[in-house]
Amino acid sequence: MALIEWNDEIYSVGIRKMDDQHKVLVGLINALHDRRNSDDKEFLNRVLVTLVEYTKKHFADEERLLEKLHWNNLSNHKFQHVQFVKTVSDMRALYEKNSAPPEMIGKLSELLKDWLTRHILVEDKAYQKYLES
């Protein structure tokens, strides 16, 4: 069973590109979670690297969109993005060096799920409301 079940009624922000990118992030988090007990360190590291790179791309796309909209909460939104990328990058570096505990992937996938779903439901939904007004 997937850690995050995408549901448009719950998670959609009404911008197809952002929703599609969120779905990719959800898929990557689910892939980590599904293989959290795997001994395939190469696969897990590839997922972590992809997650870091795709997250950076998504955040850059989202920030460009919000700049065009002159959204008033952009600086706080960017700060949250920076913190998230740092967390994921730091965890990936620990994992790559084999200095992370075995249960790290499970804990990381839970942390990522909590962060992403909260971020979409609170922060991203705020710009959806702004667009609708």
N, C-alpha and C. Protein backbone atom coordinates (compact mmCIF):
# COMPACT_ATOMS: atom_id res chain seq x y z
N MET A 1 0.84 -1.19 0.00
CA MET A 1 0.00 0.00 0.00
C MET A 1 0.88 1.25 0.00
N ALA A 2 0.48 2.22 -0.78
CA ALA A 2 1.25 3.46 -0.90
C ALA A 2 1.17 4.26 0.40
N LEU A 3 2.24 4.94 0.69
CA LEU A 3 2.28 5.81 1.86
C LEU A 3 1.37 7.02 1.67
N ILE A 4 1.37 7.56 0.45
CA ILE A 4 0.51 8.70 0.11
C ILE A 4 -0.36 8.28 -1.06
N GLU A 5 -1.65 8.38 -0.88
CA GLU A 5 -2.60 8.13 -1.97
C GLU A 5 -3.03 9.47 -2.52
N TRP A 6 -2.66 9.76 -3.77
CA TRP A 6 -3.04 11.04 -4.36
C TRP A 6 -4.54 11.08 -4.56
N ASN A 7 -5.14 12.21 -4.20
CA ASN A 7 -6.56 12.43 -4.40
C ASN A 7 -6.71 13.88 -4.85
N ASP A 8 -7.18 14.08 -6.09
CA ASP A 8 -7.31 15.44 -6.63
C ASP A 8 -8.18 16.33 -5.74
N GLU A 9 -9.24 15.77 -5.19
CA GLU A 9 -10.14 16.58 -4.36
C GLU A 9 -9.44 17.12 -3.12
N ILE A 10 -8.46 16.39 -2.64
CA ILE A 10 -7.75 16.80 -1.43
C ILE A 10 -6.51 17.65 -1.78
N TYR A 11 -5.71 17.17 -2.72
CA TYR A 11 -4.38 17.75 -2.93
C TYR A 11 -4.26 18.71 -4.12
N SER A 12 -5.18 18.70 -5.05
CA SER A 12 -5.02 19.54 -6.24
C SER A 12 -5.01 21.03 -5.86
N VAL A 13 -4.07 21.76 -6.49
CA VAL A 13 -4.00 23.20 -6.29
C VAL A 13 -4.59 23.94 -7.49
N GLY A 14 -5.16 23.19 -8.41
CA GLY A 14 -5.84 23.80 -9.54
C GLY A 14 -4.94 24.25 -10.67
N ILE A 15 -3.66 23.92 -10.59
CA ILE A 15 -2.71 24.24 -11.66
C ILE A 15 -2.10 22.91 -12.09
N ARG A 16 -2.43 22.49 -13.29
CA ARG A 16 -2.06 21.15 -13.74
C ARG A 16 -0.57 20.86 -13.59
N LYS A 17 0.27 21.79 -14.00
CA LYS A 17 1.72 21.56 -13.92
C LYS A 17 2.16 21.31 -12.48
N MET A 18 1.65 22.09 -11.55
CA MET A 18 2.01 21.90 -10.14
C MET A 18 1.46 20.57 -9.62
N ASP A 19 0.23 20.26 -9.96
CA ASP A 19 -0.35 18.98 -9.54
C ASP A 19 0.44 17.81 -10.10
N ASP A 20 0.81 17.88 -11.38
CA ASP A 20 1.58 16.80 -11.99
C ASP A 20 2.93 16.64 -11.31
N GLN A 21 3.57 17.75 -10.98
CA GLN A 21 4.86 17.68 -10.28
C GLN A 21 4.69 17.14 -8.87
N HIS A 22 3.63 17.54 -8.21
CA HIS A 22 3.36 17.00 -6.87
C HIS A 22 3.17 15.48 -6.95
N LYS A 23 2.51 15.01 -7.98
CA LYS A 23 2.30 13.57 -8.15
C LYS A 23 3.62 12.83 -8.33
N VAL A 24 4.56 13.44 -9.03
CA VAL A 24 5.89 12.82 -9.19
C VAL A 24 6.57 12.73 -7.83
N LEU A 25 6.51 13.81 -7.05
CA LEU A 25 7.11 13.80 -5.71
C LEU A 25 6.46 12.72 -4.84
N VAL A 26 5.15 12.61 -4.91
CA VAL A 26 4.43 11.57 -4.16
C VAL A 26 4.93 10.19 -4.60
N GLY A 27 5.10 9.99 -5.89
CA GLY A 27 5.60 8.71 -6.40
C GLY A 27 6.99 8.38 -5.89
N LEU A 28 7.86 9.38 -5.83
CA LEU A 28 9.22 9.15 -5.32
C LEU A 28 9.19 8.80 -3.83
N ILE A 29 8.38 9.51 -3.07
CA ILE A 29 8.26 9.22 -1.64
C ILE A 29 7.69 7.82 -1.45
N ASN A 30 6.69 7.47 -2.23
CA ASN A 30 6.12 6.12 -2.14
C ASN A 30 7.15 5.05 -2.51
N ALA A 31 8.00 5.33 -3.51
CA ALA A 31 9.05 4.38 -3.90
C ALA A 31 10.03 4.16 -2.75
N LEU A 32 10.40 5.24 -2.08
CA LEU A 32 11.28 5.10 -0.90
C LEU A 32 10.61 4.25 0.17
N HIS A 33 9.38 4.58 0.45
CA HIS A 33 8.65 3.86 1.50
C HIS A 33 8.49 2.38 1.15
N ASP A 34 8.13 2.11 -0.09
CA ASP A 34 7.90 0.72 -0.50
C ASP A 34 9.16 -0.13 -0.40
N ARG A 35 10.31 0.50 -0.59
CA ARG A 35 11.58 -0.25 -0.57
C ARG A 35 12.42 0.06 0.68
N ARG A 36 11.78 0.58 1.72
CA ARG A 36 12.51 1.04 2.91
C ARG A 36 13.33 -0.06 3.58
N ASN A 37 12.92 -1.30 3.43
CA ASN A 37 13.65 -2.42 4.05
C ASN A 37 14.54 -3.16 3.06
N SER A 38 14.71 -2.58 1.89
CA SER A 38 15.49 -3.22 0.83
C SER A 38 16.98 -3.10 1.10
N ASP A 39 17.71 -4.11 0.63
CA ASP A 39 19.17 -4.06 0.69
C ASP A 39 19.75 -3.43 -0.57
N ASP A 40 18.89 -3.01 -1.48
CA ASP A 40 19.33 -2.42 -2.74
C ASP A 40 19.68 -0.95 -2.55
N LYS A 41 20.86 -0.73 -2.00
CA LYS A 41 21.29 0.63 -1.68
C LYS A 41 21.43 1.49 -2.93
N GLU A 42 21.79 0.88 -4.05
CA GLU A 42 21.94 1.63 -5.30
C GLU A 42 20.58 2.20 -5.73
N PHE A 43 19.54 1.38 -5.67
CA PHE A 43 18.20 1.84 -6.03
C PHE A 43 17.76 2.97 -5.10
N LEU A 44 17.91 2.76 -3.79
CA LEU A 44 17.47 3.76 -2.83
C LEU A 44 18.24 5.06 -3.00
N ASN A 45 19.53 4.96 -3.25
CA ASN A 45 20.32 6.17 -3.47
C ASN A 45 19.87 6.90 -4.73
N ARG A 46 19.56 6.15 -5.81
CA ARG A 46 19.05 6.78 -7.04
C ARG A 46 17.74 7.50 -6.78
N VAL A 47 16.86 6.89 -5.98
CA VAL A 47 15.59 7.54 -5.66
C VAL A 47 15.86 8.82 -4.87
N LEU A 48 16.76 8.75 -3.91
CA LEU A 48 17.08 9.94 -3.11
C LEU A 48 17.68 11.05 -3.98
N VAL A 49 18.59 10.71 -4.87
CA VAL A 49 19.20 11.70 -5.76
C VAL A 49 18.11 12.31 -6.65
N THR A 50 17.26 11.48 -7.21
CA THR A 50 16.18 11.96 -8.06
C THR A 50 15.23 12.85 -7.27
N LEU A 51 14.95 12.47 -6.05
CA LEU A 51 14.06 13.26 -5.19
C LEU A 51 14.64 14.65 -4.94
N VAL A 52 15.92 14.72 -4.65
CA VAL A 52 16.57 16.02 -4.42
C VAL A 52 16.50 16.87 -5.69
N GLU A 53 16.90 16.30 -6.81
CA GLU A 53 16.94 17.06 -8.07
C GLU A 53 15.54 17.46 -8.53
N TYR A 54 14.59 16.55 -8.44
CA TYR A 54 13.24 16.87 -8.89
C TYR A 54 12.58 17.90 -7.97
N THR A 55 12.86 17.80 -6.69
CA THR A 55 12.33 18.78 -5.73
C THR A 55 12.84 20.17 -6.08
N LYS A 56 14.13 20.28 -6.38
CA LYS A 56 14.70 21.58 -6.76
C LYS A 56 14.00 22.13 -8.01
N LYS A 57 13.78 21.26 -9.00
CA LYS A 57 13.11 21.68 -10.23
C LYS A 57 11.68 22.14 -9.93
N HIS A 58 10.95 21.35 -9.16
CA HIS A 58 9.57 21.70 -8.84
C HIS A 58 9.52 23.03 -8.10
N PHE A 59 10.36 23.19 -7.09
CA PHE A 59 10.34 24.43 -6.32
C PHE A 59 10.69 25.63 -7.19
N ALA A 60 11.65 25.49 -8.09
CA ALA A 60 12.01 26.59 -8.99
C ALA A 60 10.82 26.94 -9.89
N ASP A 61 10.14 25.93 -10.42
CA ASP A 61 8.97 26.18 -11.26
C ASP A 61 7.87 26.87 -10.46
N GLU A 62 7.63 26.39 -9.27
CA GLU A 62 6.57 26.96 -8.43
C GLU A 62 6.90 28.40 -8.05
N GLU A 63 8.15 28.67 -7.71
CA GLU A 63 8.55 30.02 -7.32
C GLU A 63 8.45 30.99 -8.50
N ARG A 64 8.79 30.54 -9.71
CA ARG A 64 8.63 31.40 -10.89
C ARG A 64 7.16 31.74 -11.10
N LEU A 65 6.29 30.75 -10.94
CA LEU A 65 4.85 30.98 -11.08
C LEU A 65 4.38 32.00 -10.04
N LEU A 66 4.80 31.83 -8.80
CA LEU A 66 4.36 32.73 -7.73
C LEU A 66 4.92 34.14 -7.91
N GLU A 67 6.12 34.24 -8.47
CA GLU A 67 6.68 35.57 -8.78
C GLU A 67 5.82 36.28 -9.82
N LYS A 68 5.42 35.55 -10.86
CA LYS A 68 4.58 36.13 -11.91
C LYS A 68 3.24 36.59 -11.35
N LEU A 69 2.76 35.89 -10.33
CA LEU A 69 1.48 36.23 -9.72
C LEU A 69 1.60 37.33 -8.67
N HIS A 70 2.85 37.73 -8.38
CA HIS A 70 3.12 38.73 -7.33
C HIS A 70 2.52 38.29 -6.00
N TRP A 71 2.73 37.03 -5.69
CA TRP A 71 2.17 36.48 -4.45
C TRP A 71 2.91 37.04 -3.25
N ASN A 72 2.17 37.54 -2.26
CA ASN A 72 2.76 38.27 -1.14
C ASN A 72 3.48 37.39 -0.13
N ASN A 73 3.32 36.08 -0.18
CA ASN A 73 3.97 35.20 0.80
C ASN A 73 5.14 34.43 0.19
N LEU A 74 5.67 34.94 -0.91
CA LEU A 74 6.70 34.21 -1.64
C LEU A 74 7.97 34.01 -0.83
N SER A 75 8.41 35.00 -0.09
CA SER A 75 9.67 34.84 0.65
C SER A 75 9.57 33.73 1.69
N ASN A 76 8.47 33.62 2.38
CA ASN A 76 8.28 32.54 3.35
C ASN A 76 8.20 31.19 2.63
N HIS A 77 7.53 31.16 1.50
CA HIS A 77 7.39 29.94 0.72
C HIS A 77 8.77 29.46 0.25
N LYS A 78 9.60 30.39 -0.24
CA LYS A 78 10.95 30.05 -0.68
C LYS A 78 11.78 29.52 0.49
N PHE A 79 11.64 30.14 1.65
CA PHE A 79 12.39 29.69 2.82
C PHE A 79 12.04 28.25 3.16
N GLN A 80 10.77 27.91 3.13
CA GLN A 80 10.35 26.53 3.40
C GLN A 80 10.94 25.57 2.37
N HIS A 81 10.99 25.99 1.12
CA HIS A 81 11.57 25.17 0.08
C HIS A 81 13.06 24.91 0.36
N VAL A 82 13.78 25.94 0.71
CA VAL A 82 15.22 25.81 1.00
C VAL A 82 15.44 24.83 2.15
N GLN A 83 14.65 24.96 3.20
CA GLN A 83 14.78 24.06 4.36
C GLN A 83 14.51 22.61 3.97
N PHE A 84 13.50 22.40 3.15
CA PHE A 84 13.14 21.04 2.74
C PHE A 84 14.26 20.42 1.90
N VAL A 85 14.78 21.18 0.93
CA VAL A 85 15.87 20.67 0.08
C VAL A 85 17.08 20.35 0.94
N LYS A 86 17.38 21.19 1.91
CA LYS A 86 18.52 20.93 2.80
C LYS A 86 18.32 19.64 3.58
N THR A 87 17.14 19.44 4.12
CA THR A 87 16.86 18.22 4.89
C THR A 87 17.05 16.98 4.02
N VAL A 88 16.45 16.98 2.84
CA VAL A 88 16.54 15.82 1.96
C VAL A 88 17.98 15.61 1.49
N SER A 89 18.67 16.69 1.15
CA SER A 89 20.07 16.59 0.70
C SER A 89 20.96 16.05 1.81
N ASP A 90 20.77 16.53 3.02
CA ASP A 90 21.57 16.05 4.15
C ASP A 90 21.34 14.56 4.41
N MET A 91 20.09 14.14 4.35
CA MET A 91 19.77 12.73 4.57
C MET A 91 20.34 11.86 3.45
N ARG A 92 20.26 12.34 2.22
CA ARG A 92 20.82 11.59 1.10
C ARG A 92 22.33 11.44 1.26
N ALA A 93 23.00 12.50 1.69
CA ALA A 93 24.45 12.45 1.90
C ALA A 93 24.80 11.44 2.99
N LEU A 94 24.04 11.43 4.08
CA LEU A 94 24.27 10.45 5.14
C LEU A 94 24.09 9.03 4.62
N TYR A 95 23.04 8.84 3.87
CA TYR A 95 22.76 7.51 3.34
C TYR A 95 23.87 7.06 2.39
N GLU A 96 24.31 7.96 1.54
CA GLU A 96 25.35 7.63 0.57
C GLU A 96 26.66 7.24 1.25
N LYS A 97 26.94 7.85 2.40
CA LYS A 97 28.17 7.55 3.15
C LYS A 97 28.01 6.32 4.04
N ASN A 98 26.85 5.69 4.00
CA ASN A 98 26.55 4.54 4.86
C ASN A 98 26.64 4.89 6.34
N SER A 99 26.42 6.16 6.65
CA SER A 99 26.50 6.55 8.06
C SER A 99 25.10 6.76 8.66
N ALA A 100 24.11 6.33 7.94
CA ALA A 100 22.74 6.45 8.43
C ALA A 100 22.28 5.11 8.99
N PRO A 101 21.46 5.14 10.02
CA PRO A 101 20.95 3.88 10.57
C PRO A 101 20.02 3.19 9.56
N PRO A 102 19.90 1.86 9.63
CA PRO A 102 19.08 1.12 8.66
C PRO A 102 17.63 1.59 8.58
N GLU A 103 17.08 2.05 9.67
CA GLU A 103 15.68 2.47 9.67
C GLU A 103 15.49 3.88 9.11
N MET A 104 16.59 4.51 8.66
CA MET A 104 16.51 5.88 8.18
C MET A 104 15.55 6.06 7.02
N ILE A 105 15.53 5.14 6.06
CA ILE A 105 14.68 5.30 4.87
C ILE A 105 13.21 5.32 5.28
N GLY A 106 12.81 4.46 6.19
CA GLY A 106 11.43 4.47 6.67
C GLY A 106 11.08 5.77 7.37
N LYS A 107 11.97 6.23 8.23
CA LYS A 107 11.73 7.50 8.93
C LYS A 107 11.73 8.67 7.97
N LEU A 108 12.64 8.64 7.00
CA LEU A 108 12.71 9.71 6.02
C LEU A 108 11.44 9.75 5.17
N SER A 109 10.97 8.61 4.73
CA SER A 109 9.76 8.61 3.91
C SER A 109 8.57 9.14 4.69
N GLU A 110 8.48 8.84 5.96
CA GLU A 110 7.40 9.38 6.81
C GLU A 110 7.54 10.90 6.96
N LEU A 111 8.76 11.36 7.19
CA LEU A 111 9.02 12.79 7.33
C LEU A 111 8.66 13.52 6.03
N LEU A 112 9.05 12.95 4.89
CA LEU A 112 8.76 13.57 3.60
C LEU A 112 7.26 13.60 3.35
N LYS A 113 6.57 12.52 3.69
CA LYS A 113 5.12 12.48 3.53
C LYS A 113 4.47 13.58 4.35
N ASP A 114 4.86 13.67 5.61
CA ASP A 114 4.27 14.68 6.50
C ASP A 114 4.54 16.09 5.98
N TRP A 115 5.78 16.34 5.57
CA TRP A 115 6.13 17.67 5.10
C TRP A 115 5.38 18.00 3.82
N LEU A 116 5.43 17.11 2.83
CA LEU A 116 4.83 17.41 1.53
C LEU A 116 3.31 17.58 1.65
N THR A 117 2.65 16.69 2.34
CA THR A 117 1.20 16.80 2.43
C THR A 117 0.80 18.07 3.19
N ARG A 118 1.51 18.39 4.26
CA ARG A 118 1.21 19.63 5.00
C ARG A 118 1.49 20.84 4.13
N HIS A 119 2.61 20.81 3.40
CA HIS A 119 2.98 21.94 2.55
C HIS A 119 1.92 22.17 1.46
N ILE A 120 1.49 21.10 0.84
CA ILE A 120 0.46 21.24 -0.20
C ILE A 120 -0.84 21.75 0.41
N LEU A 121 -1.26 21.11 1.50
CA LEU A 121 -2.57 21.44 2.09
C LEU A 121 -2.63 22.83 2.72
N VAL A 122 -1.52 23.33 3.20
CA VAL A 122 -1.52 24.63 3.87
C VAL A 122 -0.91 25.71 2.96
N GLU A 123 0.34 25.55 2.61
CA GLU A 123 1.07 26.60 1.87
C GLU A 123 0.61 26.70 0.42
N ASP A 124 0.56 25.58 -0.28
CA ASP A 124 0.18 25.63 -1.69
C ASP A 124 -1.30 25.93 -1.87
N LYS A 125 -2.12 25.43 -0.99
CA LYS A 125 -3.55 25.75 -1.06
C LYS A 125 -3.78 27.25 -0.83
N ALA A 126 -2.86 27.91 -0.10
CA ALA A 126 -2.98 29.35 0.12
C ALA A 126 -2.84 30.10 -1.20
N TYR A 127 -1.90 29.68 -2.05
CA TYR A 127 -1.80 30.39 -3.34
C TYR A 127 -2.94 30.00 -4.25
N GLN A 128 -3.52 28.83 -4.08
CA GLN A 128 -4.73 28.48 -4.85
C GLN A 128 -5.87 29.42 -4.50
N LYS A 129 -6.05 29.68 -3.21
CA LYS A 129 -7.11 30.61 -2.79
C LYS A 129 -6.83 32.02 -3.31
N TYR A 130 -5.56 32.42 -3.32
CA TYR A 130 -5.17 33.72 -3.84
C TYR A 130 -5.55 33.84 -5.32
N LEU A 131 -5.28 32.78 -6.08
CA LEU A 131 -5.61 32.78 -7.51
C LEU A 131 -7.11 32.84 -7.76
N GLU A 132 -7.87 32.20 -6.89
CA GLU A 132 -9.32 32.15 -7.05
C GLU A 132 -9.99 33.45 -6.65
N SER A 133 -9.30 34.29 -5.89
CA SER A 133 -9.93 35.53 -5.42
C SER A 133 -9.82 36.66 -6.43
